[in-house]
Amino acid sequence: MNTTVDRIVEAFQTLTPASVDALGTIYATDARFKDPFNEVQGLAAIQHIFRHMFVSLENPHFIVTGRVVQGRQCFLTWEFRFGFRRFKQGQAQCILGGSHLMLNAEGLIAVHRDYWDAAEELYEKLPVLGSLMRWLKRRSNS
């Protein structure tokens, strides 16, 4: 199973716009994917999410920082590094998160669930909305 997870980690860390078409080597055709913004089923829908990522962001890439493997499940911790295209241009951004992956008998991802704090990791970095989120955070902590 570790060889399978190594292959999956390598695919995520080396993902490019050109390699999105090859995601069928790590995802089952009927795989489910969920993150704070998306919930889709099927390889084509998952590929669409990753294609959109490359169109919307500057130089997006994943760095897997840890993994726990148990049977046909694994949990990956990662850093998602990117730049915004429309504002804060040239300023490196980083989102910390984790992915719970459930693999089928063929070693392909059947379920992919991403966990990360959209409020802290993304909304606080946006103009206007970021100010509001930081104010709400301060109010709730006082």
N, C-alpha and C. Protein backbone atom coordinates (compact mmCIF):
# COMPACT_ATOMS: atom_id res chain seq x y z
N MET A 1 0.83 -1.20 0.00
CA MET A 1 0.00 0.00 0.00
C MET A 1 0.87 1.26 0.00
N ASN A 2 2.03 1.20 0.63
CA ASN A 2 2.89 2.38 0.66
C ASN A 2 3.34 2.79 -0.73
N THR A 3 3.58 1.81 -1.62
CA THR A 3 3.95 2.14 -2.99
C THR A 3 2.82 2.88 -3.69
N THR A 4 1.59 2.46 -3.45
CA THR A 4 0.42 3.12 -4.02
C THR A 4 0.32 4.55 -3.50
N VAL A 5 0.49 4.74 -2.21
CA VAL A 5 0.43 6.08 -1.63
C VAL A 5 1.58 6.94 -2.16
N ASP A 6 2.77 6.35 -2.30
CA ASP A 6 3.90 7.09 -2.88
C ASP A 6 3.54 7.61 -4.28
N ARG A 7 2.89 6.77 -5.08
CA ARG A 7 2.49 7.14 -6.44
C ARG A 7 1.47 8.29 -6.41
N ILE A 8 0.53 8.22 -5.48
CA ILE A 8 -0.49 9.27 -5.34
C ILE A 8 0.15 10.58 -4.90
N VAL A 9 1.03 10.51 -3.90
CA VAL A 9 1.72 11.71 -3.42
C VAL A 9 2.53 12.34 -4.55
N GLU A 10 3.23 11.53 -5.30
CA GLU A 10 4.03 12.03 -6.43
C GLU A 10 3.13 12.73 -7.45
N ALA A 11 1.98 12.15 -7.74
CA ALA A 11 1.05 12.76 -8.71
C ALA A 11 0.57 14.12 -8.23
N PHE A 12 0.23 14.25 -6.94
CA PHE A 12 -0.22 15.54 -6.42
C PHE A 12 0.90 16.57 -6.42
N GLN A 13 2.09 16.16 -6.03
CA GLN A 13 3.20 17.11 -5.91
C GLN A 13 3.74 17.56 -7.27
N THR A 14 3.51 16.78 -8.31
CA THR A 14 4.02 17.14 -9.63
C THR A 14 2.90 17.53 -10.59
N LEU A 15 1.69 17.77 -10.06
CA LEU A 15 0.54 18.09 -10.89
C LEU A 15 0.78 19.37 -11.68
N THR A 16 0.49 19.31 -12.95
CA THR A 16 0.60 20.46 -13.87
C THR A 16 -0.68 20.50 -14.71
N PRO A 17 -0.91 21.60 -15.42
CA PRO A 17 -2.08 21.62 -16.30
C PRO A 17 -2.08 20.44 -17.29
N ALA A 18 -0.91 20.07 -17.78
CA ALA A 18 -0.83 18.96 -18.74
C ALA A 18 -1.11 17.61 -18.10
N SER A 19 -0.76 17.45 -16.82
CA SER A 19 -0.93 16.14 -16.18
C SER A 19 -2.32 15.93 -15.59
N VAL A 20 -3.17 16.94 -15.62
CA VAL A 20 -4.55 16.78 -15.12
C VAL A 20 -5.25 15.66 -15.89
N ASP A 21 -4.97 15.54 -17.18
CA ASP A 21 -5.59 14.49 -17.98
C ASP A 21 -5.20 13.09 -17.50
N ALA A 22 -4.07 12.96 -16.81
CA ALA A 22 -3.59 11.66 -16.34
C ALA A 22 -4.09 11.31 -14.94
N LEU A 23 -5.00 12.11 -14.37
CA LEU A 23 -5.50 11.81 -13.02
C LEU A 23 -6.23 10.48 -12.94
N GLY A 24 -6.62 9.92 -14.07
CA GLY A 24 -7.24 8.60 -14.09
C GLY A 24 -6.30 7.50 -13.64
N THR A 25 -5.01 7.80 -13.52
CA THR A 25 -4.06 6.80 -13.02
C THR A 25 -4.08 6.72 -11.50
N ILE A 26 -4.71 7.73 -10.84
CA ILE A 26 -4.80 7.68 -9.37
C ILE A 26 -6.24 7.73 -8.85
N TYR A 27 -7.19 8.17 -9.69
CA TYR A 27 -8.60 8.26 -9.29
C TYR A 27 -9.42 7.20 -10.02
N ALA A 28 -10.38 6.62 -9.32
CA ALA A 28 -11.37 5.75 -9.94
C ALA A 28 -12.30 6.62 -10.80
N THR A 29 -12.89 6.04 -11.85
CA THR A 29 -13.75 6.83 -12.74
C THR A 29 -14.98 7.38 -12.02
N ASP A 30 -15.42 6.71 -10.96
CA ASP A 30 -16.61 7.17 -10.22
C ASP A 30 -16.24 7.77 -8.85
N ALA A 31 -15.00 8.22 -8.71
CA ALA A 31 -14.52 8.77 -7.44
C ALA A 31 -15.35 9.97 -7.01
N ARG A 32 -15.43 10.16 -5.68
CA ARG A 32 -16.09 11.32 -5.10
C ARG A 32 -15.03 12.24 -4.51
N PHE A 33 -15.24 13.55 -4.65
CA PHE A 33 -14.32 14.56 -4.14
C PHE A 33 -15.13 15.62 -3.42
N LYS A 34 -14.63 16.03 -2.23
CA LYS A 34 -15.29 17.10 -1.47
C LYS A 34 -14.23 17.95 -0.80
N ASP A 35 -14.42 19.27 -0.90
CA ASP A 35 -13.61 20.23 -0.17
C ASP A 35 -14.55 21.36 0.28
N PRO A 36 -14.04 22.42 0.91
CA PRO A 36 -14.96 23.46 1.39
C PRO A 36 -15.80 24.14 0.29
N PHE A 37 -15.41 24.00 -0.98
CA PHE A 37 -16.11 24.68 -2.06
C PHE A 37 -16.78 23.76 -3.08
N ASN A 38 -16.40 22.51 -3.09
CA ASN A 38 -16.86 21.59 -4.13
C ASN A 38 -17.31 20.27 -3.53
N GLU A 39 -18.26 19.66 -4.20
CA GLU A 39 -18.64 18.28 -3.91
C GLU A 39 -19.07 17.68 -5.24
N VAL A 40 -18.23 16.81 -5.78
CA VAL A 40 -18.48 16.26 -7.12
C VAL A 40 -18.23 14.75 -7.12
N GLN A 41 -18.74 14.12 -8.16
CA GLN A 41 -18.48 12.71 -8.36
C GLN A 41 -18.11 12.49 -9.82
N GLY A 42 -17.10 11.66 -10.02
CA GLY A 42 -16.66 11.31 -11.37
C GLY A 42 -15.33 11.95 -11.69
N LEU A 43 -14.53 11.21 -12.43
CA LEU A 43 -13.19 11.66 -12.80
C LEU A 43 -13.23 12.97 -13.57
N ALA A 44 -14.14 13.11 -14.51
CA ALA A 44 -14.21 14.34 -15.31
C ALA A 44 -14.48 15.57 -14.43
N ALA A 45 -15.36 15.43 -13.44
CA ALA A 45 -15.67 16.55 -12.55
C ALA A 45 -14.46 16.90 -11.68
N ILE A 46 -13.73 15.89 -11.24
CA ILE A 46 -12.52 16.13 -10.43
C ILE A 46 -11.46 16.81 -11.29
N GLN A 47 -11.28 16.35 -12.52
CA GLN A 47 -10.32 16.99 -13.42
C GLN A 47 -10.71 18.45 -13.66
N HIS A 48 -11.99 18.73 -13.77
CA HIS A 48 -12.46 20.11 -13.97
C HIS A 48 -12.02 21.00 -12.80
N ILE A 49 -12.13 20.50 -11.58
CA ILE A 49 -11.72 21.28 -10.40
C ILE A 49 -10.23 21.63 -10.48
N PHE A 50 -9.40 20.64 -10.82
CA PHE A 50 -7.97 20.90 -10.90
C PHE A 50 -7.62 21.82 -12.08
N ARG A 51 -8.31 21.67 -13.21
CA ARG A 51 -8.07 22.58 -14.34
C ARG A 51 -8.42 24.02 -13.93
N HIS A 52 -9.55 24.17 -13.24
CA HIS A 52 -9.96 25.50 -12.79
C HIS A 52 -8.93 26.10 -11.84
N MET A 53 -8.33 25.27 -11.00
CA MET A 53 -7.30 25.73 -10.07
C MET A 53 -6.14 26.37 -10.85
N PHE A 54 -5.72 25.73 -11.94
CA PHE A 54 -4.59 26.26 -12.71
C PHE A 54 -4.96 27.53 -13.47
N VAL A 55 -6.21 27.68 -13.85
CA VAL A 55 -6.66 28.88 -14.55
C VAL A 55 -6.81 30.05 -13.57
N SER A 56 -7.29 29.76 -12.37
CA SER A 56 -7.63 30.80 -11.40
C SER A 56 -6.46 31.31 -10.58
N LEU A 57 -5.44 30.46 -10.39
CA LEU A 57 -4.34 30.80 -9.49
C LEU A 57 -3.01 30.79 -10.21
N GLU A 58 -2.06 31.50 -9.65
CA GLU A 58 -0.72 31.57 -10.19
C GLU A 58 0.16 30.49 -9.54
N ASN A 59 0.74 29.62 -10.36
CA ASN A 59 1.68 28.60 -9.91
C ASN A 59 1.19 27.77 -8.72
N PRO A 60 -0.01 27.19 -8.79
CA PRO A 60 -0.47 26.37 -7.67
C PRO A 60 0.26 25.03 -7.61
N HIS A 61 0.64 24.64 -6.41
CA HIS A 61 1.27 23.33 -6.24
C HIS A 61 1.14 22.85 -4.80
N PHE A 62 1.16 21.54 -4.65
CA PHE A 62 1.02 20.91 -3.35
C PHE A 62 2.36 20.38 -2.87
N ILE A 63 2.58 20.50 -1.58
CA ILE A 63 3.73 19.88 -0.92
C ILE A 63 3.16 19.01 0.19
N VAL A 64 3.30 17.70 0.05
CA VAL A 64 2.79 16.78 1.06
C VAL A 64 3.81 16.73 2.19
N THR A 65 3.33 17.03 3.40
CA THR A 65 4.23 17.14 4.55
C THR A 65 4.14 15.95 5.50
N GLY A 66 3.12 15.12 5.34
CA GLY A 66 2.99 13.96 6.21
C GLY A 66 1.94 13.01 5.68
N ARG A 67 1.98 11.80 6.21
CA ARG A 67 0.99 10.80 5.79
C ARG A 67 0.80 9.76 6.87
N VAL A 68 -0.41 9.27 6.96
CA VAL A 68 -0.75 8.15 7.83
C VAL A 68 -1.51 7.17 6.95
N VAL A 69 -1.04 5.93 6.90
CA VAL A 69 -1.66 4.92 6.06
C VAL A 69 -2.17 3.80 6.94
N GLN A 70 -3.42 3.42 6.72
CA GLN A 70 -4.02 2.30 7.46
C GLN A 70 -4.93 1.56 6.50
N GLY A 71 -4.55 0.35 6.16
CA GLY A 71 -5.33 -0.43 5.21
C GLY A 71 -5.45 0.31 3.90
N ARG A 72 -6.69 0.46 3.41
CA ARG A 72 -6.92 1.16 2.14
C ARG A 72 -7.29 2.62 2.35
N GLN A 73 -6.92 3.18 3.49
CA GLN A 73 -7.16 4.60 3.76
C GLN A 73 -5.84 5.29 4.05
N CYS A 74 -5.79 6.55 3.72
CA CYS A 74 -4.63 7.33 4.14
C CYS A 74 -5.07 8.77 4.38
N PHE A 75 -4.32 9.44 5.21
CA PHE A 75 -4.54 10.85 5.48
C PHE A 75 -3.24 11.56 5.17
N LEU A 76 -3.31 12.53 4.26
CA LEU A 76 -2.14 13.31 3.88
C LEU A 76 -2.27 14.72 4.44
N THR A 77 -1.21 15.23 5.03
CA THR A 77 -1.17 16.65 5.38
C THR A 77 -0.37 17.34 4.30
N TRP A 78 -0.75 18.58 4.00
CA TRP A 78 -0.11 19.27 2.89
C TRP A 78 -0.10 20.78 3.06
N GLU A 79 0.75 21.39 2.25
CA GLU A 79 0.77 22.83 2.05
C GLU A 79 0.36 23.06 0.61
N PHE A 80 -0.57 23.96 0.40
CA PHE A 80 -0.96 24.34 -0.95
C PHE A 80 -0.41 25.73 -1.17
N ARG A 81 0.55 25.85 -2.06
CA ARG A 81 1.22 27.12 -2.32
C ARG A 81 0.75 27.66 -3.66
N PHE A 82 0.53 28.97 -3.71
CA PHE A 82 -0.01 29.61 -4.92
C PHE A 82 0.11 31.11 -4.80
N GLY A 83 -0.27 31.79 -5.85
CA GLY A 83 -0.41 33.24 -5.85
C GLY A 83 -1.77 33.59 -6.42
N PHE A 84 -2.33 34.70 -5.97
CA PHE A 84 -3.58 35.18 -6.55
C PHE A 84 -3.27 35.85 -7.89
N ARG A 85 -4.13 35.74 -8.84
CA ARG A 85 -3.94 36.39 -10.15
C ARG A 85 -4.47 37.82 -10.16
N ARG A 86 -5.50 38.12 -9.36
CA ARG A 86 -6.19 39.40 -9.45
C ARG A 86 -5.78 40.42 -8.41
N PHE A 87 -5.22 40.00 -7.30
CA PHE A 87 -4.79 40.93 -6.26
C PHE A 87 -3.65 40.29 -5.50
N LYS A 88 -2.96 41.10 -4.73
CA LYS A 88 -1.76 40.64 -4.01
C LYS A 88 -0.84 39.88 -4.96
N GLN A 89 -0.75 40.37 -6.19
CA GLN A 89 0.08 39.70 -7.19
C GLN A 89 1.53 39.70 -6.75
N GLY A 90 2.19 38.58 -6.99
CA GLY A 90 3.59 38.43 -6.61
C GLY A 90 3.78 38.05 -5.16
N GLN A 91 2.71 37.98 -4.40
CA GLN A 91 2.80 37.63 -2.98
C GLN A 91 2.45 36.15 -2.81
N ALA A 92 3.39 35.38 -2.30
CA ALA A 92 3.18 33.94 -2.11
C ALA A 92 2.12 33.69 -1.05
N GLN A 93 1.24 32.74 -1.32
CA GLN A 93 0.18 32.35 -0.40
C GLN A 93 0.35 30.88 -0.04
N CYS A 94 -0.14 30.49 1.12
CA CYS A 94 -0.03 29.11 1.55
C CYS A 94 -1.27 28.74 2.37
N ILE A 95 -1.87 27.62 2.01
CA ILE A 95 -2.99 27.06 2.76
C ILE A 95 -2.52 25.72 3.32
N LEU A 96 -2.74 25.52 4.61
CA LEU A 96 -2.40 24.24 5.25
C LEU A 96 -3.66 23.40 5.34
N GLY A 97 -3.55 22.13 5.01
CA GLY A 97 -4.72 21.28 5.06
C GLY A 97 -4.37 19.81 5.08
N GLY A 98 -5.41 19.01 4.95
CA GLY A 98 -5.24 17.56 4.94
C GLY A 98 -6.25 16.92 4.02
N SER A 99 -5.92 15.75 3.54
CA SER A 99 -6.81 14.99 2.65
C SER A 99 -6.98 13.58 3.20
N HIS A 100 -8.23 13.17 3.34
CA HIS A 100 -8.55 11.79 3.69
C HIS A 100 -8.87 11.08 2.38
N LEU A 101 -8.11 10.05 2.08
CA LEU A 101 -8.29 9.30 0.84
C LEU A 101 -8.70 7.87 1.17
N MET A 102 -9.73 7.40 0.49
CA MET A 102 -10.15 6.00 0.61
C MET A 102 -9.91 5.36 -0.75
N LEU A 103 -9.14 4.28 -0.76
CA LEU A 103 -8.76 3.63 -2.00
C LEU A 103 -9.61 2.40 -2.25
N ASN A 104 -9.85 2.12 -3.52
CA ASN A 104 -10.59 0.90 -3.86
C ASN A 104 -9.61 -0.29 -3.94
N ALA A 105 -10.11 -1.44 -4.30
CA ALA A 105 -9.29 -2.65 -4.35
C ALA A 105 -8.17 -2.54 -5.37
N GLU A 106 -8.34 -1.69 -6.39
CA GLU A 106 -7.30 -1.50 -7.41
C GLU A 106 -6.26 -0.46 -7.00
N GLY A 107 -6.42 0.13 -5.83
CA GLY A 107 -5.47 1.13 -5.37
C GLY A 107 -5.73 2.51 -5.93
N LEU A 108 -6.93 2.74 -6.44
CA LEU A 108 -7.30 4.05 -6.96
C LEU A 108 -8.13 4.80 -5.93
N ILE A 109 -8.05 6.12 -5.94
CA ILE A 109 -8.80 6.93 -5.00
C ILE A 109 -10.28 6.82 -5.34
N ALA A 110 -11.07 6.34 -4.38
CA ALA A 110 -12.52 6.24 -4.54
C ALA A 110 -13.22 7.41 -3.86
N VAL A 111 -12.64 7.88 -2.75
CA VAL A 111 -13.18 9.03 -2.01
C VAL A 111 -12.02 9.92 -1.61
N HIS A 112 -12.15 11.21 -1.88
CA HIS A 112 -11.12 12.21 -1.55
C HIS A 112 -11.84 13.35 -0.84
N ARG A 113 -11.51 13.53 0.42
CA ARG A 113 -12.12 14.61 1.21
C ARG A 113 -11.01 15.50 1.74
N ASP A 114 -11.06 16.78 1.37
CA ASP A 114 -10.07 17.76 1.83
C ASP A 114 -10.61 18.50 3.04
N TYR A 115 -9.73 18.71 4.00
CA TYR A 115 -10.05 19.46 5.20
C TYR A 115 -9.08 20.63 5.33
N TRP A 116 -9.64 21.83 5.35
CA TRP A 116 -8.86 23.03 5.62
C TRP A 116 -9.83 24.14 6.00
N ASP A 117 -9.33 25.10 6.75
CA ASP A 117 -10.15 26.18 7.29
C ASP A 117 -10.24 27.31 6.27
N ALA A 118 -11.34 27.34 5.53
CA ALA A 118 -11.51 28.36 4.48
C ALA A 118 -11.48 29.77 5.07
N ALA A 119 -12.05 29.96 6.27
CA ALA A 119 -12.09 31.29 6.87
C ALA A 119 -10.67 31.79 7.15
N GLU A 120 -9.89 31.00 7.84
CA GLU A 120 -8.54 31.44 8.21
C GLU A 120 -7.58 31.38 7.03
N GLU A 121 -7.64 30.33 6.26
CA GLU A 121 -6.64 30.10 5.23
C GLU A 121 -6.90 30.87 3.93
N LEU A 122 -8.15 31.26 3.70
CA LEU A 122 -8.44 31.94 2.44
C LEU A 122 -9.18 33.26 2.63
N TYR A 123 -10.32 33.24 3.28
CA TYR A 123 -11.15 34.44 3.38
C TYR A 123 -10.42 35.61 4.02
N GLU A 124 -9.59 35.34 5.03
CA GLU A 124 -8.87 36.43 5.70
C GLU A 124 -7.83 37.07 4.80
N LYS A 125 -7.49 36.42 3.68
CA LYS A 125 -6.49 36.97 2.77
C LYS A 125 -7.11 37.82 1.67
N LEU A 126 -8.44 37.80 1.58
CA LEU A 126 -9.12 38.54 0.52
C LEU A 126 -9.40 39.97 0.95
N PRO A 127 -9.34 40.92 -0.01
CA PRO A 127 -9.67 42.31 0.33
C PRO A 127 -11.13 42.40 0.78
N VAL A 128 -11.46 43.32 1.59
CA VAL A 128 -12.79 43.60 2.15
C VAL A 128 -13.27 42.43 3.02
N LEU A 129 -13.46 41.27 2.43
CA LEU A 129 -13.91 40.12 3.19
C LEU A 129 -12.90 39.76 4.28
N GLY A 130 -11.62 39.91 3.98
CA GLY A 130 -10.58 39.62 4.96
C GLY A 130 -10.69 40.51 6.19
N SER A 131 -10.94 41.79 5.97
CA SER A 131 -11.11 42.71 7.10
C SER A 131 -12.28 42.30 7.97
N LEU A 132 -13.39 41.94 7.34
CA LEU A 132 -14.57 41.50 8.07
C LEU A 132 -14.27 40.22 8.85
N MET A 133 -13.62 39.27 8.24
CA MET A 133 -13.31 37.99 8.90
C MET A 133 -12.39 38.21 10.11
N ARG A 134 -11.37 39.06 9.94
CA ARG A 134 -10.46 39.32 11.06
C ARG A 134 -11.20 40.02 12.20
N TRP A 135 -12.10 40.97 11.87
CA TRP A 135 -12.90 41.65 12.88
C TRP A 135 -13.78 40.65 13.62
N LEU A 136 -14.46 39.77 12.89
CA LEU A 136 -15.31 38.75 13.52
C LEU A 136 -14.50 37.83 14.43
N LYS A 137 -13.31 37.48 14.00
CA LYS A 137 -12.45 36.62 14.80
C LYS A 137 -12.05 37.31 16.10
N ARG A 138 -11.69 38.60 16.01
CA ARG A 138 -11.32 39.34 17.22
C ARG A 138 -12.51 39.45 18.17
N ARG A 139 -13.70 39.74 17.61
CA ARG A 139 -14.91 39.85 18.43
C ARG A 139 -15.24 38.54 19.14
N SER A 140 -15.10 37.43 18.45
CA SER A 140 -15.44 36.15 19.06
C SER A 140 -14.41 35.71 20.09
N ASN A 141 -13.19 36.23 20.00
CA ASN A 141 -12.15 35.86 20.96
C ASN A 141 -12.10 36.79 22.17
N SER A 142 -12.87 37.88 22.14
CA SER A 142 -12.81 38.82 23.27
C SER A 142 -13.90 38.56 24.28
